[in-house]
Amino acid sequence: MTYPPPYGRGFGRGWSRGRGWGPLPTLPPLPPPPPNGLRIVATVDSNVGLNSPISFRFARAPLIAVVDTVGGKVVNLKILENPYATAPHGAGMGLGQWIVASGVKLVIAPRLGPNISFVLQQAGVRVEIVPPGIPLSEALRRLGITT
């Protein structure tokens, strides 16, 4: 009597073919924020500097704007591509951990998912809710930061 082969044991059958999801994407490390400064992160839809519109998504937005301020004035703006935008899973958790590791104290977003909300809340990062589509400069102005 012959038996069928042992399927379902991770030998290459099925969706993942026994290899799992693979590694998550990573963002480059940032230098520390300026002394007596505030580092702010917002997700934007295009790279046009301070006129970039705030994205309606957060963890899966195409670009991430990192703004360093000192004394209520913008001293540095860096816009990075978001590798988590196309991640198969874990976008909120991965981006949240990078935000905390980068020394960010304030996040500007229209809304946040449950995973990234949990990570930011546990780290003590302040979240300011703004409507999507407004320019980054307007969102900063609403927080009392001059551009």
N, C-alpha and C. Protein backbone atom coordinates (compact mmCIF):
# COMPACT_ATOMS: atom_id res chain seq x y z
N MET A 1 0.84 -1.17 0.00
CA MET A 1 0.00 0.00 0.00
C MET A 1 0.89 1.24 0.00
N THR A 2 0.58 2.22 -0.86
CA THR A 2 1.35 3.47 -0.91
C THR A 2 0.54 4.60 -0.29
N TYR A 3 1.28 5.49 0.33
CA TYR A 3 0.65 6.64 0.98
C TYR A 3 0.99 7.91 0.20
N PRO A 4 0.12 8.93 0.25
CA PRO A 4 0.44 10.18 -0.44
C PRO A 4 1.61 10.89 0.24
N PRO A 5 2.31 11.75 -0.50
CA PRO A 5 3.44 12.47 0.11
C PRO A 5 2.95 13.41 1.22
N PRO A 6 3.82 13.71 2.19
CA PRO A 6 3.42 14.54 3.34
C PRO A 6 3.34 16.02 2.96
N TYR A 7 2.17 16.47 2.54
CA TYR A 7 2.00 17.87 2.17
C TYR A 7 1.81 18.74 3.41
N GLY A 8 2.05 20.03 3.25
CA GLY A 8 1.77 20.98 4.32
C GLY A 8 2.84 21.04 5.39
N ARG A 9 4.06 20.65 5.08
CA ARG A 9 5.11 20.70 6.09
C ARG A 9 6.20 21.71 5.74
N GLY A 10 5.89 22.67 4.89
CA GLY A 10 6.88 23.70 4.57
C GLY A 10 7.91 23.28 3.55
N PHE A 11 7.57 22.32 2.68
CA PHE A 11 8.53 21.84 1.70
C PHE A 11 8.31 22.43 0.32
N GLY A 12 7.72 23.59 0.25
CA GLY A 12 7.58 24.22 -1.04
C GLY A 12 6.19 24.18 -1.62
N ARG A 13 5.22 23.70 -0.93
CA ARG A 13 3.85 23.69 -1.43
C ARG A 13 3.10 24.87 -0.82
N GLY A 14 2.19 25.44 -1.54
CA GLY A 14 1.35 26.51 -0.99
C GLY A 14 1.89 27.89 -1.28
N TRP A 15 1.30 28.86 -0.58
CA TRP A 15 1.58 30.27 -0.87
C TRP A 15 3.02 30.68 -0.60
N SER A 16 3.51 30.39 0.58
CA SER A 16 4.84 30.92 0.92
C SER A 16 5.96 29.96 0.59
N ARG A 17 5.64 28.79 0.14
CA ARG A 17 6.62 27.78 -0.24
C ARG A 17 7.61 27.48 0.89
N GLY A 18 7.14 27.62 2.13
CA GLY A 18 7.97 27.26 3.27
C GLY A 18 9.02 28.27 3.65
N ARG A 19 8.99 29.46 3.07
CA ARG A 19 10.04 30.44 3.33
C ARG A 19 9.59 31.61 4.19
N GLY A 20 8.31 31.78 4.46
CA GLY A 20 7.84 32.90 5.26
C GLY A 20 7.74 34.17 4.43
N TRP A 21 7.54 35.29 5.11
CA TRP A 21 7.33 36.58 4.45
C TRP A 21 8.62 37.23 3.98
N GLY A 22 9.71 36.95 4.62
CA GLY A 22 10.96 37.61 4.28
C GLY A 22 11.22 38.78 5.20
N PRO A 23 12.36 39.44 5.05
CA PRO A 23 12.71 40.54 5.96
C PRO A 23 11.88 41.79 5.68
N LEU A 24 11.64 42.56 6.73
CA LEU A 24 10.95 43.84 6.58
C LEU A 24 11.92 44.89 6.05
N PRO A 25 11.42 45.89 5.34
CA PRO A 25 12.30 46.96 4.87
C PRO A 25 12.81 47.79 6.05
N THR A 26 13.89 48.52 5.80
CA THR A 26 14.45 49.38 6.85
C THR A 26 14.64 50.79 6.31
N LEU A 27 14.57 51.74 7.20
CA LEU A 27 14.84 53.14 6.88
C LEU A 27 16.23 53.49 7.39
N PRO A 28 16.91 54.44 6.76
CA PRO A 28 18.25 54.79 7.22
C PRO A 28 18.20 55.48 8.58
N PRO A 29 19.23 55.28 9.41
CA PRO A 29 19.26 55.99 10.69
C PRO A 29 19.50 57.48 10.46
N LEU A 30 18.89 58.30 11.29
CA LEU A 30 19.04 59.75 11.19
C LEU A 30 20.01 60.24 12.25
N PRO A 31 20.71 61.35 11.99
CA PRO A 31 21.53 61.93 13.06
C PRO A 31 20.62 62.42 14.18
N PRO A 32 21.14 62.58 15.38
CA PRO A 32 20.28 63.01 16.49
C PRO A 32 19.69 64.40 16.23
N PRO A 33 18.54 64.69 16.83
CA PRO A 33 17.95 66.02 16.64
C PRO A 33 18.84 67.10 17.24
N PRO A 34 18.70 68.35 16.79
CA PRO A 34 19.55 69.42 17.33
C PRO A 34 19.30 69.62 18.82
N PRO A 35 20.31 70.12 19.55
CA PRO A 35 20.10 70.37 20.98
C PRO A 35 19.00 71.43 21.18
N ASN A 36 18.20 71.24 22.19
CA ASN A 36 17.06 72.12 22.50
C ASN A 36 16.09 72.19 21.33
N GLY A 37 16.07 71.18 20.48
CA GLY A 37 15.20 71.18 19.31
C GLY A 37 14.10 70.15 19.44
N LEU A 38 13.21 70.19 18.48
CA LEU A 38 12.08 69.28 18.42
C LEU A 38 12.09 68.63 17.04
N ARG A 39 12.04 67.31 17.01
CA ARG A 39 11.98 66.59 15.73
C ARG A 39 10.53 66.17 15.49
N ILE A 40 10.04 66.51 14.29
CA ILE A 40 8.66 66.26 13.90
C ILE A 40 8.66 65.37 12.66
N VAL A 41 7.73 64.42 12.61
CA VAL A 41 7.56 63.56 11.44
C VAL A 41 6.14 63.70 10.93
N ALA A 42 6.01 63.82 9.61
CA ALA A 42 4.71 63.81 8.93
C ALA A 42 4.87 63.00 7.66
N THR A 43 3.81 62.37 7.22
CA THR A 43 3.87 61.65 5.95
C THR A 43 3.20 62.50 4.89
N VAL A 44 3.85 62.56 3.73
CA VAL A 44 3.39 63.44 2.65
C VAL A 44 3.26 62.64 1.35
N ASP A 45 2.53 63.24 0.40
CA ASP A 45 2.28 62.56 -0.88
C ASP A 45 3.27 62.92 -1.98
N SER A 46 3.93 64.08 -1.88
CA SER A 46 4.89 64.48 -2.92
C SER A 46 6.05 65.23 -2.28
N ASN A 47 7.15 65.32 -3.01
CA ASN A 47 8.36 65.95 -2.50
C ASN A 47 8.49 67.36 -3.07
N VAL A 48 7.79 68.31 -2.47
CA VAL A 48 7.91 69.72 -2.87
C VAL A 48 8.23 70.58 -1.65
N GLY A 49 9.07 70.05 -0.77
CA GLY A 49 9.51 70.80 0.40
C GLY A 49 8.38 71.03 1.39
N LEU A 50 8.31 72.26 1.91
CA LEU A 50 7.28 72.59 2.89
C LEU A 50 5.89 72.68 2.28
N ASN A 51 5.79 72.69 0.96
CA ASN A 51 4.48 72.71 0.29
C ASN A 51 3.94 71.30 0.01
N SER A 52 4.63 70.28 0.50
CA SER A 52 4.17 68.90 0.29
C SER A 52 2.85 68.67 1.02
N PRO A 53 1.87 68.07 0.34
CA PRO A 53 0.57 67.83 1.00
C PRO A 53 0.65 66.64 1.96
N ILE A 54 -0.01 66.79 3.10
CA ILE A 54 -0.10 65.71 4.09
C ILE A 54 -0.89 64.55 3.48
N SER A 55 -0.36 63.35 3.63
CA SER A 55 -1.01 62.17 3.06
C SER A 55 -2.18 61.73 3.94
N PHE A 56 -3.20 61.13 3.31
CA PHE A 56 -4.34 60.65 4.08
C PHE A 56 -4.03 59.33 4.77
N ARG A 57 -2.92 58.67 4.39
CA ARG A 57 -2.47 57.45 5.06
C ARG A 57 -1.24 57.82 5.87
N PHE A 58 -0.90 57.00 6.85
CA PHE A 58 0.32 57.30 7.59
C PHE A 58 1.40 56.27 7.30
N ALA A 59 1.25 55.06 7.75
CA ALA A 59 2.33 54.08 7.61
C ALA A 59 2.57 53.67 6.16
N ARG A 60 1.58 53.80 5.31
CA ARG A 60 1.73 53.40 3.91
C ARG A 60 1.79 54.59 2.95
N ALA A 61 2.10 55.76 3.46
CA ALA A 61 2.28 56.94 2.61
C ALA A 61 3.57 56.80 1.81
N PRO A 62 3.66 57.42 0.64
CA PRO A 62 4.86 57.24 -0.19
C PRO A 62 6.12 57.92 0.36
N LEU A 63 5.97 59.03 1.09
CA LEU A 63 7.13 59.78 1.57
C LEU A 63 6.98 60.15 3.04
N ILE A 64 8.12 60.33 3.71
CA ILE A 64 8.16 60.72 5.12
C ILE A 64 8.94 62.03 5.21
N ALA A 65 8.33 63.05 5.81
CA ALA A 65 9.01 64.34 6.03
C ALA A 65 9.49 64.39 7.47
N VAL A 66 10.79 64.65 7.65
CA VAL A 66 11.38 64.79 8.97
C VAL A 66 11.78 66.26 9.11
N VAL A 67 11.18 66.95 10.08
CA VAL A 67 11.39 68.38 10.28
C VAL A 67 12.06 68.58 11.63
N ASP A 68 13.20 69.27 11.64
CA ASP A 68 13.87 69.64 12.89
C ASP A 68 13.60 71.11 13.15
N THR A 69 13.17 71.43 14.37
CA THR A 69 12.89 72.82 14.73
C THR A 69 13.67 73.18 15.98
N VAL A 70 14.03 74.45 16.07
CA VAL A 70 14.67 75.00 17.27
C VAL A 70 13.99 76.34 17.55
N GLY A 71 13.47 76.50 18.74
CA GLY A 71 12.83 77.75 19.12
C GLY A 71 11.61 78.08 18.28
N GLY A 72 10.90 77.08 17.80
CA GLY A 72 9.69 77.32 17.01
C GLY A 72 9.94 77.66 15.55
N LYS A 73 11.18 77.48 15.07
CA LYS A 73 11.51 77.75 13.67
C LYS A 73 12.11 76.50 13.03
N VAL A 74 11.78 76.28 11.78
CA VAL A 74 12.30 75.13 11.04
C VAL A 74 13.77 75.37 10.71
N VAL A 75 14.63 74.41 11.09
CA VAL A 75 16.05 74.52 10.77
C VAL A 75 16.50 73.46 9.76
N ASN A 76 15.74 72.37 9.63
CA ASN A 76 16.13 71.32 8.70
C ASN A 76 14.88 70.55 8.27
N LEU A 77 14.82 70.24 6.98
CA LEU A 77 13.73 69.43 6.43
C LEU A 77 14.35 68.35 5.55
N LYS A 78 13.99 67.11 5.82
CA LYS A 78 14.48 65.99 5.02
C LYS A 78 13.28 65.14 4.65
N ILE A 79 13.13 64.85 3.36
CA ILE A 79 12.03 64.01 2.89
C ILE A 79 12.62 62.70 2.37
N LEU A 80 12.15 61.59 2.96
CA LEU A 80 12.66 60.26 2.65
C LEU A 80 11.57 59.42 2.00
N GLU A 81 11.97 58.48 1.15
CA GLU A 81 11.01 57.52 0.62
C GLU A 81 10.65 56.53 1.72
N ASN A 82 9.39 56.12 1.74
CA ASN A 82 8.90 55.21 2.77
C ASN A 82 8.92 53.77 2.24
N PRO A 83 9.87 52.94 2.69
CA PRO A 83 9.89 51.56 2.21
C PRO A 83 8.74 50.72 2.76
N TYR A 84 8.08 51.19 3.81
CA TYR A 84 6.96 50.45 4.38
C TYR A 84 5.68 50.64 3.57
N ALA A 85 5.68 51.53 2.59
CA ALA A 85 4.48 51.78 1.79
C ALA A 85 4.04 50.52 1.04
N THR A 86 4.98 49.67 0.67
CA THR A 86 4.65 48.46 -0.07
C THR A 86 4.97 47.19 0.70
N ALA A 87 5.20 47.31 2.00
CA ALA A 87 5.51 46.13 2.82
C ALA A 87 4.28 45.21 2.89
N PRO A 88 4.49 43.90 2.85
CA PRO A 88 3.33 42.99 2.90
C PRO A 88 2.60 43.02 4.23
N HIS A 89 3.31 43.32 5.31
CA HIS A 89 2.69 43.36 6.64
C HIS A 89 3.61 44.12 7.58
N GLY A 90 3.09 44.58 8.70
CA GLY A 90 3.91 45.21 9.73
C GLY A 90 4.35 46.63 9.42
N ALA A 91 3.65 47.35 8.54
CA ALA A 91 4.08 48.70 8.18
C ALA A 91 3.98 49.64 9.38
N GLY A 92 2.89 49.60 10.11
CA GLY A 92 2.70 50.49 11.25
C GLY A 92 3.71 50.24 12.35
N MET A 93 3.93 48.99 12.66
CA MET A 93 4.86 48.64 13.72
C MET A 93 6.29 49.02 13.34
N GLY A 94 6.69 48.73 12.11
CA GLY A 94 8.05 49.05 11.67
C GLY A 94 8.31 50.54 11.62
N LEU A 95 7.37 51.30 11.04
CA LEU A 95 7.55 52.75 10.96
C LEU A 95 7.52 53.37 12.35
N GLY A 96 6.66 52.87 13.22
CA GLY A 96 6.59 53.38 14.59
C GLY A 96 7.89 53.18 15.35
N GLN A 97 8.51 52.02 15.18
CA GLN A 97 9.78 51.76 15.85
C GLN A 97 10.89 52.65 15.31
N TRP A 98 10.88 52.91 14.00
CA TRP A 98 11.88 53.81 13.42
C TRP A 98 11.68 55.24 13.93
N ILE A 99 10.43 55.68 14.06
CA ILE A 99 10.13 57.02 14.57
C ILE A 99 10.67 57.18 15.99
N VAL A 100 10.43 56.19 16.83
CA VAL A 100 10.90 56.25 18.21
C VAL A 100 12.42 56.25 18.26
N ALA A 101 13.07 55.40 17.45
CA ALA A 101 14.53 55.31 17.43
C ALA A 101 15.18 56.58 16.88
N SER A 102 14.45 57.37 16.08
CA SER A 102 15.00 58.58 15.48
C SER A 102 14.90 59.79 16.39
N GLY A 103 14.32 59.64 17.56
CA GLY A 103 14.23 60.76 18.50
C GLY A 103 13.10 61.72 18.20
N VAL A 104 12.06 61.26 17.54
CA VAL A 104 10.92 62.11 17.19
C VAL A 104 10.06 62.31 18.43
N LYS A 105 9.61 63.55 18.65
CA LYS A 105 8.75 63.87 19.79
C LYS A 105 7.34 64.25 19.38
N LEU A 106 7.11 64.52 18.08
CA LEU A 106 5.80 64.95 17.61
C LEU A 106 5.53 64.34 16.24
N VAL A 107 4.34 63.80 16.06
CA VAL A 107 3.91 63.22 14.79
C VAL A 107 2.68 63.98 14.31
N ILE A 108 2.69 64.36 13.03
CA ILE A 108 1.54 65.03 12.41
C ILE A 108 0.89 64.03 11.46
N ALA A 109 -0.41 63.77 11.67
CA ALA A 109 -1.09 62.77 10.85
C ALA A 109 -2.59 63.05 10.82
N PRO A 110 -3.27 62.63 9.74
CA PRO A 110 -4.72 62.75 9.72
C PRO A 110 -5.39 61.66 10.56
N ARG A 111 -4.79 60.48 10.59
CA ARG A 111 -5.26 59.38 11.44
C ARG A 111 -4.16 58.34 11.51
N LEU A 112 -4.22 57.50 12.54
CA LEU A 112 -3.22 56.45 12.73
C LEU A 112 -3.90 55.11 12.92
N GLY A 113 -3.23 54.05 12.50
CA GLY A 113 -3.73 52.71 12.73
C GLY A 113 -3.47 52.27 14.16
N PRO A 114 -4.04 51.13 14.56
CA PRO A 114 -3.90 50.70 15.95
C PRO A 114 -2.48 50.32 16.35
N ASN A 115 -1.72 49.71 15.46
CA ASN A 115 -0.36 49.28 15.83
C ASN A 115 0.57 50.47 16.04
N ILE A 116 0.58 51.40 15.12
CA ILE A 116 1.48 52.54 15.27
C ILE A 116 1.02 53.44 16.41
N SER A 117 -0.28 53.53 16.66
CA SER A 117 -0.78 54.31 17.80
C SER A 117 -0.25 53.73 19.10
N PHE A 118 -0.27 52.41 19.21
CA PHE A 118 0.22 51.75 20.41
C PHE A 118 1.71 52.02 20.62
N VAL A 119 2.51 51.89 19.57
CA VAL A 119 3.96 52.10 19.67
C VAL A 119 4.26 53.53 20.09
N LEU A 120 3.62 54.51 19.45
CA LEU A 120 3.88 55.91 19.76
C LEU A 120 3.40 56.28 21.16
N GLN A 121 2.26 55.74 21.57
CA GLN A 121 1.74 56.03 22.91
C GLN A 121 2.68 55.49 23.98
N GLN A 122 3.18 54.28 23.80
CA GLN A 122 4.09 53.68 24.77
C GLN A 122 5.40 54.45 24.86
N ALA A 123 5.84 55.07 23.76
CA ALA A 123 7.10 55.82 23.75
C ALA A 123 6.92 57.27 24.18
N GLY A 124 5.69 57.73 24.36
CA GLY A 124 5.46 59.10 24.78
C GLY A 124 5.57 60.12 23.66
N VAL A 125 5.36 59.70 22.43
CA VAL A 125 5.41 60.61 21.28
C VAL A 125 4.04 61.28 21.14
N ARG A 126 4.03 62.60 21.05
CA ARG A 126 2.78 63.35 20.91
C ARG A 126 2.28 63.25 19.48
N VAL A 127 0.97 63.10 19.31
CA VAL A 127 0.35 63.00 17.99
C VAL A 127 -0.61 64.16 17.82
N GLU A 128 -0.46 64.90 16.72
CA GLU A 128 -1.37 65.99 16.38
C GLU A 128 -2.14 65.59 15.12
N ILE A 129 -3.45 65.67 15.19
CA ILE A 129 -4.31 65.29 14.07
C ILE A 129 -4.58 66.53 13.22
N VAL A 130 -4.32 66.42 11.92
CA VAL A 130 -4.59 67.50 10.96
C VAL A 130 -5.36 66.90 9.78
N PRO A 131 -6.09 67.73 9.04
CA PRO A 131 -6.79 67.19 7.87
C PRO A 131 -5.81 66.81 6.76
N PRO A 132 -6.11 65.75 6.01
CA PRO A 132 -5.22 65.37 4.91
C PRO A 132 -5.30 66.37 3.77
N GLY A 133 -4.21 66.48 3.02
CA GLY A 133 -4.19 67.34 1.85
C GLY A 133 -3.69 68.75 2.09
N ILE A 134 -3.60 69.20 3.35
CA ILE A 134 -3.09 70.55 3.59
C ILE A 134 -1.57 70.52 3.45
N PRO A 135 -0.95 71.63 3.08
CA PRO A 135 0.51 71.66 2.96
C PRO A 135 1.18 71.45 4.33
N LEU A 136 2.37 70.91 4.31
CA LEU A 136 3.13 70.70 5.54
C LEU A 136 3.36 72.01 6.27
N SER A 137 3.61 73.09 5.52
CA SER A 137 3.84 74.39 6.16
C SER A 137 2.61 74.85 6.94
N GLU A 138 1.42 74.60 6.42
CA GLU A 138 0.18 74.97 7.12
C GLU A 138 0.00 74.13 8.38
N ALA A 139 0.32 72.85 8.30
CA ALA A 139 0.22 71.99 9.48
C ALA A 139 1.18 72.46 10.57
N LEU A 140 2.39 72.85 10.18
CA LEU A 140 3.35 73.36 11.16
C LEU A 140 2.88 74.69 11.74
N ARG A 141 2.32 75.55 10.90
CA ARG A 141 1.81 76.84 11.37
C ARG A 141 0.70 76.66 12.40
N ARG A 142 -0.15 75.67 12.21
CA ARG A 142 -1.22 75.39 13.17
C ARG A 142 -0.67 74.98 14.53
N LEU A 143 0.55 74.47 14.55
CA LEU A 143 1.20 74.07 15.79
C LEU A 143 2.08 75.18 16.37
N GLY A 144 2.07 76.35 15.73
CA GLY A 144 2.86 77.48 16.22
C GLY A 144 4.30 77.47 15.79
N ILE A 145 4.62 76.77 14.72
CA ILE A 145 6.00 76.70 14.22
C ILE A 145 6.07 77.52 12.94
N THR A 146 7.01 78.46 12.89
CA THR A 146 7.16 79.30 11.70
C THR A 146 8.10 78.63 10.71
N THR A 147 7.78 78.83 9.43
CA THR A 147 8.58 78.18 8.38
C THR A 147 9.52 79.16 7.72
